[in-house]
PDB file of all heavy atoms in Angstrom:
ATOM      1  N   ASP A   1       0.826  -1.218   0.021  1.00  0.00           N
ATOM      2  CA  ASP A   1       0.007  -0.047   0.036  1.00  0.00           C
ATOM      3  C   ASP A   1       0.852   1.277  -0.010  1.00  0.00           C
ATOM      4  O   ASP A   1       0.297   2.382  -0.127  1.00  0.00           O
ATOM      5  CB  ASP A   1      -0.951   0.001   1.269  1.00  0.00           C
ATOM      6  CG  ASP A   1      -1.989  -1.075   1.178  1.00  0.00           C
ATOM      7  OD1 ASP A   1      -2.280  -1.519   0.087  1.00  0.00           O
ATOM      8  OD2 ASP A   1      -2.488  -1.412   2.255  1.00  0.00           O
ATOM      9  N   ARG A   2       2.171   1.194   0.130  1.00  0.00           N
ATOM     10  CA  ARG A   2       3.000   2.367   0.325  1.00  0.00           C
ATOM     11  C   ARG A   2       2.944   3.259  -0.914  1.00  0.00           C
ATOM     12  O   ARG A   2       2.627   4.474  -0.840  1.00  0.00           O
ATOM     13  CB  ARG A   2       4.403   1.931   0.604  1.00  0.00           C
ATOM     14  CG  ARG A   2       4.652   1.327   1.946  1.00  0.00           C
ATOM     15  CD  ARG A   2       6.086   0.994   2.175  1.00  0.00           C
ATOM     16  NE  ARG A   2       7.003   2.073   2.070  1.00  0.00           N
ATOM     17  CZ  ARG A   2       7.269   2.893   3.077  1.00  0.00           C
ATOM     18  NH1 ARG A   2       6.735   2.737   4.277  1.00  0.00           N
ATOM     19  NH2 ARG A   2       8.075   3.958   2.942  1.00  0.00           N
ATOM     20  N   ALA A   3       3.222   2.680  -2.144  1.00  0.00           N
ATOM     21  CA  ALA A   3       3.264   3.610  -3.334  1.00  0.00           C
ATOM     22  C   ALA A   3       1.955   4.129  -3.697  1.00  0.00           C
ATOM     23  O   ALA A   3       1.800   5.307  -4.020  1.00  0.00           O
ATOM     24  CB  ALA A   3       3.867   2.730  -4.455  1.00  0.00           C
ATOM     25  N   VAL A   4       0.836   3.279  -3.542  1.00  0.00           N
ATOM     26  CA  VAL A   4      -0.462   3.720  -3.929  1.00  0.00           C
ATOM     27  C   VAL A   4      -0.956   4.819  -2.991  1.00  0.00           C
ATOM     28  O   VAL A   4      -1.476   5.855  -3.410  1.00  0.00           O
ATOM     29  CB  VAL A   4      -1.484   2.539  -3.923  1.00  0.00           C
ATOM     30  CG1 VAL A   4      -2.906   3.052  -4.209  1.00  0.00           C
ATOM     31  CG2 VAL A   4      -0.997   1.508  -4.994  1.00  0.00           C
ATOM     32  N   THR A   5      -0.726   4.589  -1.697  1.00  0.00           N
ATOM     33  CA  THR A   5      -1.166   5.572  -0.666  1.00  0.00           C
ATOM     34  C   THR A   5      -0.459   6.879  -0.787  1.00  0.00           C
ATOM     35  O   THR A   5      -1.055   7.974  -0.654  1.00  0.00           O
ATOM     36  CB  THR A   5      -1.008   4.987   0.735  1.00  0.00           C
ATOM     37  OG1 THR A   5      -1.649   3.707   0.782  1.00  0.00           O
ATOM     38  CG2 THR A   5      -1.650   5.883   1.733  1.00  0.00           C
ATOM     39  N   SER A   6       0.865   6.861  -1.056  1.00  0.00           N
ATOM     40  CA  SER A   6       1.666   8.059  -1.198  1.00  0.00           C
ATOM     41  C   SER A   6       1.104   8.900  -2.412  1.00  0.00           C
ATOM     42  O   SER A   6       0.984  10.124  -2.317  1.00  0.00           O
ATOM     43  CB  SER A   6       3.131   7.792  -1.460  1.00  0.00           C
ATOM     44  OG  SER A   6       3.733   7.090  -0.292  1.00  0.00           O
ATOM     45  N   ASP A   7       0.807   8.161  -3.535  1.00  0.00           N
ATOM     46  CA  ASP A   7       0.340   8.898  -4.648  1.00  0.00           C
ATOM     47  C   ASP A   7      -1.053   9.537  -4.387  1.00  0.00           C
ATOM     48  O   ASP A   7      -1.226  10.752  -4.666  1.00  0.00           O
ATOM     49  CB  ASP A   7       0.163   7.892  -5.840  1.00  0.00           C
ATOM     50  CG  ASP A   7      -0.528   8.484  -7.039  1.00  0.00           C
ATOM     51  OD1 ASP A   7       0.137   9.304  -7.772  1.00  0.00           O
ATOM     52  OD2 ASP A   7      -1.653   8.183  -7.265  1.00  0.00           O
ATOM     53  N   GLU A   8      -1.928   8.764  -3.707  1.00  0.00           N
ATOM     54  CA  GLU A   8      -3.294   9.346  -3.451  1.00  0.00           C
ATOM     55  C   GLU A   8      -3.191  10.526  -2.452  1.00  0.00           C
ATOM     56  O   GLU A   8      -3.878  11.577  -2.606  1.00  0.00           O
ATOM     57  CB  GLU A   8      -4.180   8.302  -2.850  1.00  0.00           C
ATOM     58  CG  GLU A   8      -4.476   7.185  -3.889  1.00  0.00           C
ATOM     59  CD  GLU A   8      -5.261   6.019  -3.308  1.00  0.00           C
ATOM     60  OE1 GLU A   8      -5.433   5.999  -2.086  1.00  0.00           O
ATOM     61  OE2 GLU A   8      -5.652   5.139  -4.064  1.00  0.00           O
ATOM     62  N   VAL A   9      -2.403  10.383  -1.417  1.00  0.00           N
ATOM     63  CA  VAL A   9      -2.240  11.496  -0.412  1.00  0.00           C
ATOM     64  C   VAL A   9      -1.624  12.691  -1.019  1.00  0.00           C
ATOM     65  O   VAL A   9      -2.096  13.828  -0.760  1.00  0.00           O
ATOM     66  CB  VAL A   9      -1.481  10.991   0.787  1.00  0.00           C
ATOM     67  CG1 VAL A   9      -1.184  12.100   1.719  1.00  0.00           C
ATOM     68  CG2 VAL A   9      -2.277   9.873   1.556  1.00  0.00           C
ATOM     69  N   ASN A  10      -0.649  12.532  -1.868  1.00  0.00           N
ATOM     70  CA  ASN A  10       0.093  13.671  -2.536  1.00  0.00           C
ATOM     71  C   ASN A  10      -0.924  14.429  -3.480  1.00  0.00           C
ATOM     72  O   ASN A  10      -0.940  15.730  -3.442  1.00  0.00           O
ATOM     73  CB  ASN A  10       1.243  13.237  -3.339  1.00  0.00           C
ATOM     74  CG  ASN A  10       2.417  12.980  -2.466  1.00  0.00           C
ATOM     75  OD1 ASN A  10       2.600  13.560  -1.382  1.00  0.00           O
ATOM     76  ND2 ASN A  10       3.280  12.048  -2.825  1.00  0.00           N
ATOM     77  N   ARG A  11      -1.700  13.705  -4.230  1.00  0.00           N
ATOM     78  CA  ARG A  11      -2.747  14.382  -4.983  1.00  0.00           C
ATOM     79  C   ARG A  11      -3.807  15.144  -4.214  1.00  0.00           C
ATOM     80  O   ARG A  11      -4.208  16.180  -4.607  1.00  0.00           O
ATOM     81  CB  ARG A  11      -3.388  13.303  -5.958  1.00  0.00           C
ATOM     82  CG  ARG A  11      -2.479  12.664  -7.024  1.00  0.00           C
ATOM     83  CD  ARG A  11      -3.152  11.568  -7.758  1.00  0.00           C
ATOM     84  NE  ARG A  11      -2.369  10.916  -8.716  1.00  0.00           N
ATOM     85  CZ  ARG A  11      -2.079  11.348  -9.926  1.00  0.00           C
ATOM     86  NH1 ARG A  11      -2.748  12.462 -10.394  1.00  0.00           N
ATOM     87  NH2 ARG A  11      -1.224  10.701 -10.748  1.00  0.00           N
ATOM     88  N   GLU A  12      -4.172  14.473  -3.108  1.00  0.00           N
ATOM     89  CA  GLU A  12      -5.198  15.213  -2.258  1.00  0.00           C
ATOM     90  C   GLU A  12      -4.586  16.420  -1.604  1.00  0.00           C
ATOM     91  O   GLU A  12      -5.293  17.447  -1.482  1.00  0.00           O
ATOM     92  CB  GLU A  12      -5.646  14.172  -1.253  1.00  0.00           C
ATOM     93  CG  GLU A  12      -6.767  14.681  -0.349  1.00  0.00           C
ATOM     94  CD  GLU A  12      -8.061  14.814  -1.182  1.00  0.00           C
ATOM     95  OE1 GLU A  12      -8.170  14.376  -2.296  1.00  0.00           O
ATOM     96  OE2 GLU A  12      -9.023  15.462  -0.566  1.00  0.00           O
ATOM     97  N   ILE A  13      -3.342  16.401  -1.204  1.00  0.00           N
ATOM     98  CA  ILE A  13      -2.655  17.552  -0.693  1.00  0.00           C
ATOM     99  C   ILE A  13      -2.635  18.670  -1.699  1.00  0.00           C
ATOM    100  O   ILE A  13      -2.926  19.834  -1.367  1.00  0.00           O
ATOM    101  CB  ILE A  13      -1.246  17.233  -0.157  1.00  0.00           C
ATOM    102  CG1 ILE A  13      -1.291  16.352   1.045  1.00  0.00           C
ATOM    103  CG2 ILE A  13      -0.442  18.465   0.161  1.00  0.00           C
ATOM    104  CD1 ILE A  13       0.078  15.877   1.491  1.00  0.00           C
ATOM    105  N   ASP A  14      -2.264  18.350  -2.916  1.00  0.00           N
ATOM    106  CA  ASP A  14      -2.224  19.349  -3.989  1.00  0.00           C
ATOM    107  C   ASP A  14      -3.627  20.040  -4.244  1.00  0.00           C
ATOM    108  O   ASP A  14      -3.747  21.233  -4.340  1.00  0.00           O
ATOM    109  CB  ASP A  14      -1.644  18.738  -5.286  1.00  0.00           C
ATOM    110  CG  ASP A  14      -1.639  19.746  -6.409  1.00  0.00           C
ATOM    111  OD1 ASP A  14      -0.802  20.683  -6.398  1.00  0.00           O
ATOM    112  OD2 ASP A  14      -2.496  19.650  -7.313  1.00  0.00           O
ATOM    113  N   ARG A  15      -4.685  19.166  -4.198  1.00  0.00           N
ATOM    114  CA  ARG A  15      -5.982  19.729  -4.493  1.00  0.00           C
ATOM    115  C   ARG A  15      -6.495  20.498  -3.325  1.00  0.00           C
ATOM    116  O   ARG A  15      -7.036  21.614  -3.536  1.00  0.00           O
ATOM    117  CB  ARG A  15      -6.938  18.481  -4.683  1.00  0.00           C
ATOM    118  CG  ARG A  15      -8.338  18.892  -5.082  1.00  0.00           C
ATOM    119  CD  ARG A  15      -9.325  17.705  -5.112  1.00  0.00           C
ATOM    120  NE  ARG A  15      -9.502  17.088  -3.846  1.00  0.00           N
ATOM    121  CZ  ARG A  15     -10.414  17.512  -2.981  1.00  0.00           C
ATOM    122  NH1 ARG A  15     -11.155  18.625  -3.235  1.00  0.00           N
ATOM    123  NH2 ARG A  15     -10.526  16.961  -1.816  1.00  0.00           N
ATOM    124  N   LEU A  16      -6.269  20.150  -2.090  1.00  0.00           N
ATOM    125  CA  LEU A  16      -6.693  20.878  -0.954  1.00  0.00           C
ATOM    126  C   LEU A  16      -5.945  22.165  -0.826  1.00  0.00           C
ATOM    127  O   LEU A  16      -6.539  23.191  -0.359  1.00  0.00           O
ATOM    128  CB  LEU A  16      -6.557  20.058   0.304  1.00  0.00           C
ATOM    129  CG  LEU A  16      -7.543  18.849   0.384  1.00  0.00           C
ATOM    130  CD1 LEU A  16      -7.221  18.013   1.678  1.00  0.00           C
ATOM    131  CD2 LEU A  16      -8.982  19.242   0.415  1.00  0.00           C
ATOM    132  N   CYS A  17      -4.689  22.183  -1.079  1.00  0.00           N
ATOM    133  CA  CYS A  17      -3.936  23.450  -1.029  1.00  0.00           C
ATOM    134  C   CYS A  17      -4.434  24.427  -2.063  1.00  0.00           C
ATOM    135  O   CYS A  17      -4.517  25.603  -1.762  1.00  0.00           O
ATOM    136  CB  CYS A  17      -2.399  23.156  -1.217  1.00  0.00           C
ATOM    137  SG  CYS A  17      -1.599  22.301   0.201  1.00  0.00           S
ATOM    138  N   ARG A  18      -4.741  24.061  -3.239  1.00  0.00           N
ATOM    139  CA  ARG A  18      -5.281  25.041  -4.232  1.00  0.00           C
ATOM    140  C   ARG A  18      -6.627  25.477  -3.822  1.00  0.00           C
ATOM    141  O   ARG A  18      -6.989  26.677  -4.043  1.00  0.00           O
ATOM    142  CB  ARG A  18      -5.383  24.281  -5.637  1.00  0.00           C
ATOM    143  CG  ARG A  18      -3.978  24.119  -6.306  1.00  0.00           C
ATOM    144  CD  ARG A  18      -4.084  23.587  -7.743  1.00  0.00           C
ATOM    145  NE  ARG A  18      -4.297  22.238  -7.762  1.00  0.00           N
ATOM    146  CZ  ARG A  18      -5.335  21.515  -8.058  1.00  0.00           C
ATOM    147  NH1 ARG A  18      -6.500  22.198  -8.283  1.00  0.00           N
ATOM    148  NH2 ARG A  18      -5.343  20.241  -8.034  1.00  0.00           N
ATOM    149  N   GLU A  19      -7.474  24.575  -3.241  1.00  0.00           N
ATOM    150  CA  GLU A  19      -8.803  25.081  -2.737  1.00  0.00           C
ATOM    151  C   GLU A  19      -8.751  26.000  -1.618  1.00  0.00           C
ATOM    152  O   GLU A  19      -9.591  26.838  -1.466  1.00  0.00           O
ATOM    153  CB  GLU A  19      -9.673  23.807  -2.401  1.00  0.00           C
ATOM    154  CG  GLU A  19     -10.084  22.971  -3.593  1.00  0.00           C
ATOM    155  CD  GLU A  19     -10.898  21.749  -3.121  1.00  0.00           C
ATOM    156  OE1 GLU A  19     -11.076  21.617  -1.864  1.00  0.00           O
ATOM    157  OE2 GLU A  19     -11.353  21.034  -4.010  1.00  0.00           O
ATOM    158  N   ASN A  20      -7.692  25.920  -0.723  1.00  0.00           N
ATOM    159  CA  ASN A  20      -7.647  26.752   0.480  1.00  0.00           C
ATOM    160  C   ASN A  20      -6.569  27.793   0.334  1.00  0.00           C
ATOM    161  O   ASN A  20      -6.181  28.417   1.271  1.00  0.00           O
ATOM    162  CB  ASN A  20      -7.244  25.859   1.689  1.00  0.00           C
ATOM    163  CG  ASN A  20      -8.393  24.871   2.069  1.00  0.00           C
ATOM    164  OD1 ASN A  20      -9.218  25.201   2.809  1.00  0.00           O
ATOM    165  ND2 ASN A  20      -8.366  23.626   1.550  1.00  0.00           N
ATOM    166  N   ASP A  21      -6.140  28.083  -0.886  1.00  0.00           N
ATOM    167  CA  ASP A  21      -5.228  29.171  -1.201  1.00  0.00           C
ATOM    168  C   ASP A  21      -3.899  29.089  -0.361  1.00  0.00           C
ATOM    169  O   ASP A  21      -3.490  30.059   0.150  1.00  0.00           O
ATOM    170  CB  ASP A  21      -5.915  30.536  -0.954  1.00  0.00           C
ATOM    171  CG  ASP A  21      -7.018  30.752  -1.860  1.00  0.00           C
ATOM    172  OD1 ASP A  21      -7.007  30.235  -3.064  1.00  0.00           O
ATOM    173  OD2 ASP A  21      -8.087  31.437  -1.435  1.00  0.00           O
ATOM    174  N   ILE A  22      -3.380  27.905  -0.314  1.00  0.00           N
ATOM    175  CA  ILE A  22      -2.120  27.712   0.407  1.00  0.00           C
ATOM    176  C   ILE A  22      -1.101  27.526  -0.671  1.00  0.00           C
ATOM    177  O   ILE A  22      -1.187  26.648  -1.547  1.00  0.00           O
ATOM    178  CB  ILE A  22      -2.187  26.390   1.301  1.00  0.00           C
ATOM    179  CG1 ILE A  22      -3.219  26.576   2.423  1.00  0.00           C
ATOM    180  CG2 ILE A  22      -0.817  26.046   1.828  1.00  0.00           C
ATOM    181  CD1 ILE A  22      -3.391  25.348   3.272  1.00  0.00           C
ATOM    182  N   ASN A  23      -0.062  28.464  -0.639  1.00  0.00           N
ATOM    183  CA  ASN A  23       0.955  28.432  -1.597  1.00  0.00           C
ATOM    184  C   ASN A  23       2.074  27.445  -1.234  1.00  0.00           C
ATOM    185  O   ASN A  23       2.791  27.577  -0.204  1.00  0.00           O
ATOM    186  CB  ASN A  23       1.549  29.823  -1.683  1.00  0.00           C
ATOM    187  CG  ASN A  23       2.595  29.909  -2.847  1.00  0.00           C
ATOM    188  OD1 ASN A  23       2.633  29.052  -3.733  1.00  0.00           O
ATOM    189  ND2 ASN A  23       3.334  30.947  -2.732  1.00  0.00           N
ATOM    190  N   ILE A  24       2.216  26.359  -2.107  1.00  0.00           N
ATOM    191  CA  ILE A  24       3.303  25.383  -1.917  1.00  0.00           C
ATOM    192  C   ILE A  24       4.555  26.080  -2.488  1.00  0.00           C
ATOM    193  O   ILE A  24       4.705  26.192  -3.735  1.00  0.00           O
ATOM    194  CB  ILE A  24       3.018  24.123  -2.528  1.00  0.00           C
ATOM    195  CG1 ILE A  24       1.777  23.436  -1.961  1.00  0.00           C
ATOM    196  CG2 ILE A  24       4.200  23.175  -2.382  1.00  0.00           C
ATOM    197  CD1 ILE A  24       1.329  22.181  -2.567  1.00  0.00           C
ATOM    198  N   ALA A  25       5.432  26.590  -1.643  1.00  0.00           N
ATOM    199  CA  ALA A  25       6.609  27.353  -2.061  1.00  0.00           C
ATOM    200  C   ALA A  25       7.704  26.497  -2.581  1.00  0.00           C
ATOM    201  O   ALA A  25       7.745  25.271  -2.423  1.00  0.00           O
ATOM    202  CB  ALA A  25       7.045  28.247  -0.940  1.00  0.00           C
ATOM    203  N   PHE A  26       8.722  27.227  -3.170  1.00  0.00           N
ATOM    204  CA  PHE A  26       9.907  26.474  -3.652  1.00  0.00           C
ATOM    205  C   PHE A  26      11.056  27.486  -3.517  1.00  0.00           C
ATOM    206  O   PHE A  26      10.849  28.696  -3.350  1.00  0.00           O
ATOM    207  CB  PHE A  26       9.762  26.141  -5.118  1.00  0.00           C
ATOM    208  CG  PHE A  26       9.054  27.166  -6.012  1.00  0.00           C
ATOM    209  CD1 PHE A  26       9.915  28.132  -6.559  1.00  0.00           C
ATOM    210  CD2 PHE A  26       7.787  27.191  -6.240  1.00  0.00           C
ATOM    211  CE1 PHE A  26       9.284  29.155  -7.395  1.00  0.00           C
ATOM    212  CE2 PHE A  26       7.146  28.207  -6.984  1.00  0.00           C
ATOM    213  CZ  PHE A  26       7.964  29.115  -7.601  1.00  0.00           C
ATOM    214  N   ASN A  27      12.220  26.957  -3.565  1.00  0.00           N
ATOM    215  CA  ASN A  27      13.446  27.754  -3.306  1.00  0.00           C
ATOM    216  C   ASN A  27      13.596  28.830  -4.436  1.00  0.00           C
ATOM    217  O   ASN A  27      13.392  28.512  -5.621  1.00  0.00           O
ATOM    218  CB  ASN A  27      14.642  26.853  -3.273  1.00  0.00           C
ATOM    219  CG  ASN A  27      14.706  26.016  -2.079  1.00  0.00           C
ATOM    220  OD1 ASN A  27      14.129  26.362  -1.056  1.00  0.00           O
ATOM    221  ND2 ASN A  27      15.366  24.877  -2.133  1.00  0.00           N
TER     222      ASN A  27
END
């Protein structure tokens, strides 16, 4: 379940951050 769960959680993080106006920053 490791690879599948990591993929699903990462996609959900990206979606929720865009919906809540959270800026995922970069260097």
